Protein backbone atom coordinates (compact mmCIF):
# COMPACT_ATOMS: atom_id res chain seq x y z
CA MET A 1 0.00 0.00 0.00
CA GLN A 2 2.80 2.45 0.90
CA GLN A 3 4.66 1.60 -2.32
CA VAL A 4 1.58 2.35 -4.40
CA VAL A 5 1.15 5.70 -2.66
CA PHE A 6 4.82 6.54 -3.32
CA ILE A 7 4.57 5.61 -7.02
CA ILE A 8 1.44 7.69 -7.49
CA ALA A 9 2.98 10.67 -5.72
CA TYR A 10 6.15 10.36 -7.83
CA CYS A 11 4.19 10.11 -11.07
CA VAL A 12 2.01 13.08 -10.20
CA CYS A 13 5.11 15.18 -9.50
CA PHE A 14 6.68 14.03 -12.79
CA LEU A 15 3.55 14.87 -14.72
CA SER A 16 3.47 18.32 -13.20
CA ALA A 17 7.07 18.84 -14.30
CA CYS A 18 6.28 17.55 -17.82
CA ARG A 19 3.56 20.13 -18.25
CA GLN A 20 6.18 22.85 -17.75
CA ILE A 21 8.68 21.49 -20.33
CA THR A 22 8.99 23.57 -23.51
CA ILE A 23 11.21 22.06 -26.19
CA SER A 24 11.66 23.31 -29.73
CA GLY A 25 11.33 20.73 -32.51
CA GLY A 26 8.14 18.94 -33.36
CA LYS A 27 9.54 15.42 -33.21
CA LEU A 28 10.93 15.79 -29.70
CA ASN A 29 7.78 17.52 -28.55
CA SER A 30 5.77 14.60 -29.96
CA LEU A 31 7.92 12.06 -28.10
CA VAL A 32 7.59 13.98 -24.84
CA TYR A 33 3.82 14.23 -25.33
CA LYS A 34 3.48 10.49 -26.03
CA GLY A 35 5.58 9.67 -22.97
CA TYR A 36 3.49 12.03 -20.91
CA ARG A 37 0.25 10.38 -22.10
CA ARG A 38 1.57 6.86 -21.36
CA LEU A 39 2.63 7.95 -17.88
CA GLU A 40 -0.71 9.65 -17.29
CA TYR A 41 -2.48 6.41 -18.28
CA LYS A 42 -0.36 4.40 -15.82
CA VAL A 43 -1.11 6.91 -13.05
CA ASP A 44 -4.82 6.50 -13.72
CA ILE A 45 -4.48 2.71 -13.44
CA LEU A 46 -2.48 2.96 -10.20
CA THR A 47 -4.97 5.42 -8.76
CA ALA A 48 -7.85 3.08 -9.55
CA LYS A 49 -5.98 0.15 -7.95
CA PHE A 50 -5.24 2.27 -4.90
CA GLU A 51 -8.91 3.23 -4.50
CA ARG A 52 -9.95 -0.43 -4.87
CA SER A 53 -7.37 -1.39 -2.23
CA LEU A 54 -8.76 1.18 0.18
CA HIS A 55 -12.29 -0.10 -0.44
CA MET A 56 -11.23 -3.72 0.18
CA HIS A 57 -9.34 -2.68 3.30
CA LYS A 58 -12.50 -1.03 4.68
CA ARG A 59 -14.56 -4.12 3.85
CA VAL A 60 -12.11 -6.36 5.71
CA ILE A 61 -12.25 -4.10 8.77
CA ASP A 62 -16.06 -4.14 8.70
CA GLN A 63 -16.09 -7.94 8.39
CA VAL A 64 -13.71 -8.31 11.32
CA LYS A 65 -15.99 -6.12 13.43
CA ASP A 66 -19.01 -8.23 12.43
CA CYS A 67 -17.13 -11.44 13.31
CA ARG A 68 -16.32 -10.47 16.87
CA VAL A 69 -16.91 -13.33 19.29
CA ILE A 70 -20.41 -13.22 20.73
CA ARG A 71 -20.65 -14.64 24.23
CA ASN A 72 -23.03 -14.88 27.17
CA VAL A 73 -22.14 -11.72 29.10
CA ALA A 74 -24.73 -12.42 31.84
CA LEU A 75 -22.99 -15.56 33.09
CA LYS A 76 -22.48 -15.36 36.87
CA LYS A 77 -22.98 -11.59 36.91
CA ARG A 78 -24.74 -9.77 39.76
CA SER A 79 -28.49 -10.32 39.71
CA GLN A 80 -31.58 -9.65 41.79
CA GLN A 81 -35.22 -10.70 41.82
CA SER A 82 -38.38 -9.19 43.30
CA SER A 83 -38.57 -11.84 46.03
CA TRP A 84 -37.05 -15.18 46.98
CA TRP A 85 -39.40 -18.13 47.30
CA GLY A 86 -38.90 -19.95 50.61
CA LYS A 87 -35.56 -18.22 51.20
CA THR A 88 -34.06 -21.56 50.30
CA ARG A 89 -31.35 -22.90 48.02
CA SER A 90 -32.85 -26.37 47.72
CA TRP A 91 -36.37 -27.76 47.66
CA GLY A 92 -36.92 -31.48 47.48
CA ASN A 93 -34.68 -32.75 44.68
CA ASN A 94 -34.43 -29.30 43.14
CA ILE A 95 -31.66 -26.74 43.48
CA CYS A 96 -33.58 -23.49 43.77
CA CYS A 97 -34.70 -20.72 44.40
CA ALA A 98 -31.99 -18.05 44.77
CA THR A 99 -31.56 -15.31 42.17
CA GLU A 100 -28.07 -16.42 41.07
CA TYR A 101 -29.42 -19.80 39.91
CA ALA A 102 -30.89 -18.05 36.85
CA ASN A 103 -27.47 -17.18 35.44
CA ASP A 104 -25.09 -19.75 36.90
CA GLY A 105 -24.65 -21.61 33.60
CA ASN A 106 -26.48 -24.68 34.91
CA PRO A 107 -29.98 -25.17 33.41
CA SER A 108 -30.87 -27.76 36.07
CA THR A 109 -30.97 -25.03 38.74
CA PHE A 110 -33.54 -22.25 38.75
CA ALA A 111 -34.56 -19.02 40.47
CA VAL A 112 -38.11 -18.59 41.78
CA THR A 113 -39.95 -15.57 43.19
CA ASN A 114 -42.99 -15.53 45.44
CA HIS A 115 -46.45 -15.24 43.91
CA ASP A 116 -45.95 -11.54 43.27
CA TYR A 117 -47.67 -8.86 41.24
CA MET A 118 -45.26 -8.12 38.36
CA PRO A 119 -42.43 -10.33 39.62
CA TYR A 120 -39.05 -9.55 38.07
CA TRP A 121 -35.45 -10.68 37.75
CA TRP A 122 -32.60 -8.49 36.51
CA VAL A 123 -28.92 -8.86 35.82
CA ASP A 124 -26.13 -6.29 35.77
CA ILE A 125 -23.81 -7.40 32.94
CA GLY A 126 -21.11 -4.99 34.12
CA HIS A 127 -20.63 -2.78 31.05
CA VAL A 128 -22.74 -1.33 28.26
CA TYR A 129 -22.94 -3.96 25.52
CA ASP A 130 -24.56 -4.08 22.09
CA ILE A 131 -27.20 -6.71 22.79
CA LYS A 132 -27.57 -9.30 20.01
CA ARG A 133 -30.07 -11.67 21.60
CA ILE A 134 -31.45 -12.82 24.93
CA GLU A 135 -32.23 -16.46 25.67
CA ILE A 136 -34.37 -17.87 28.44
CA ILE A 137 -34.61 -21.49 29.56
CA ASN A 138 -37.85 -22.22 31.37
CA ARG A 139 -38.02 -24.31 34.53
CA SER A 140 -37.34 -27.93 33.56
CA ASP A 141 -39.32 -30.01 36.08
CA HIS A 142 -42.90 -28.68 35.93
CA ALA A 143 -45.21 -25.63 35.78
CA GLY A 144 -43.62 -24.26 32.61
CA GLU A 145 -46.91 -22.50 31.79
CA ARG A 146 -46.19 -19.95 34.50
CA LEU A 147 -43.92 -18.16 32.04
CA HIS A 148 -46.29 -15.84 30.22
CA ASP A 149 -46.90 -12.14 29.49
CA VAL A 150 -43.18 -11.47 29.85
CA ASP A 151 -41.50 -8.14 29.11
CA ILE A 152 -37.75 -8.21 28.46
CA THR A 153 -36.23 -4.76 28.90
CA VAL A 154 -32.73 -3.38 28.39
CA GLY A 155 -31.08 -0.18 29.56
CA ARG A 156 -27.97 1.62 30.71
CA THR A 157 -29.40 2.00 34.24
CA LYS A 158 -32.05 0.11 36.22
CA ASN A 159 -34.28 3.18 36.11
CA ASP A 160 -34.07 3.70 32.35
CA LEU A 161 -35.11 0.49 30.63
CA SER A 162 -36.70 0.07 27.20
CA LEU A 163 -38.65 -2.85 25.80
CA CYS A 164 -36.53 -5.31 23.83
CA ALA A 165 -39.12 -8.04 23.32
CA HIS A 166 -42.43 -9.37 24.68
CA TYR A 167 -43.39 -13.01 25.14
CA GLU A 168 -47.09 -13.79 25.32
CA GLY A 169 -46.72 -17.45 26.22
CA PRO A 170 -47.62 -19.54 28.01
CA GLY A 171 -44.35 -21.40 28.03
CA THR A 172 -43.77 -25.11 28.31
CA THR A 173 -41.62 -27.02 30.76
CA GLY A 174 -37.92 -26.84 29.85
CA GLN A 175 -38.59 -24.60 26.86
CA HIS A 176 -35.59 -22.74 25.40
CA LEU A 177 -36.59 -19.34 24.02
CA ALA A 178 -34.54 -16.86 22.03
CA PHE A 179 -35.44 -13.17 21.73
CA TYR A 180 -34.07 -10.53 19.38
CA CYS A 181 -34.69 -6.89 20.22
CA ASN A 182 -37.12 -5.04 17.96
CA GLN A 183 -34.38 -2.47 17.34
CA LYS A 184 -30.64 -2.15 17.91
CA MET A 185 -30.18 -1.81 21.66
CA SER A 186 -27.27 -1.24 24.01
CA GLY A 187 -27.41 -1.63 27.76
CA ARG A 188 -25.89 -2.74 31.01
CA TYR A 189 -29.04 -4.06 32.66
CA VAL A 190 -31.43 -6.71 31.38
CA LYS A 191 -34.71 -7.27 33.18
CA VAL A 192 -37.35 -10.01 32.87
CA THR A 193 -40.81 -9.10 34.20
CA ILE A 194 -44.17 -10.90 34.21
CA LYS A 195 -47.01 -8.44 33.68
CA GLY A 196 -49.53 -9.78 36.17
CA LYS A 197 -49.55 -11.84 39.36
CA GLU A 198 -47.48 -14.98 39.03
CA TYR A 199 -44.39 -16.90 40.10
CA LEU A 200 -41.37 -16.02 37.97
CA GLN A 201 -39.17 -19.09 37.66
CA LEU A 202 -36.13 -19.10 35.43
CA SER A 203 -33.64 -21.89 34.84
CA GLU A 204 -31.29 -19.69 32.84
CA VAL A 205 -31.17 -16.19 31.37
CA MET A 206 -28.40 -15.64 28.80
CA VAL A 207 -27.49 -12.30 27.24
CA PHE A 208 -25.36 -12.57 24.10
CA ALA A 209 -23.24 -9.64 22.97
CA PRO A 210 -19.91 -8.95 21.20
CA GLU A 211 -17.02 -6.93 22.58
CA ILE A 212 -17.72 -4.01 24.91
CA SER A 213 -19.16 -1.07 23.00
CA GLU A 214 -17.97 1.56 25.50
């Protein structure tokens, strides 16, 4: 790339000098003119190649940005729910019902709230990310239909959240759902809320995003 720039710069300077040459004698003038035209043609070709190289370089950069590794940025991050059913970490053969069980990377554990009005669960993913998708795994043992009328919101603060997606439901036991925001969204907080009175029970909430956007 640097060599091409140097050649173009050299040729442009030479052409500028050629325009200033005045030589008596038609034959010599004709030779100089033909040489000048050949050189001008080569400069045009090099310039076109240089512009194509710049365009390709930009395309490669854009492709690299698009191919950034997307990962679950919610894994084991700080979370909170509206209430904690039974204040227990185990119930029968189940590992539940603490808030961190919804993003511990283990779909056999789950978080459960009390029978609340508009129960919620949120996670602080630590930085502002460009959210690509949000996945939810429903409770795997029973009562999957409790997941319904769900709002998934995203925002830079807990007090400034916007709707990413809505799930009417009802869900089924062990169901794995994937949600894509209705528009491009960036945020640090992701919140799952049931609009109504219900238990909110989540085996896993995963937030997928590329590298940190700020």
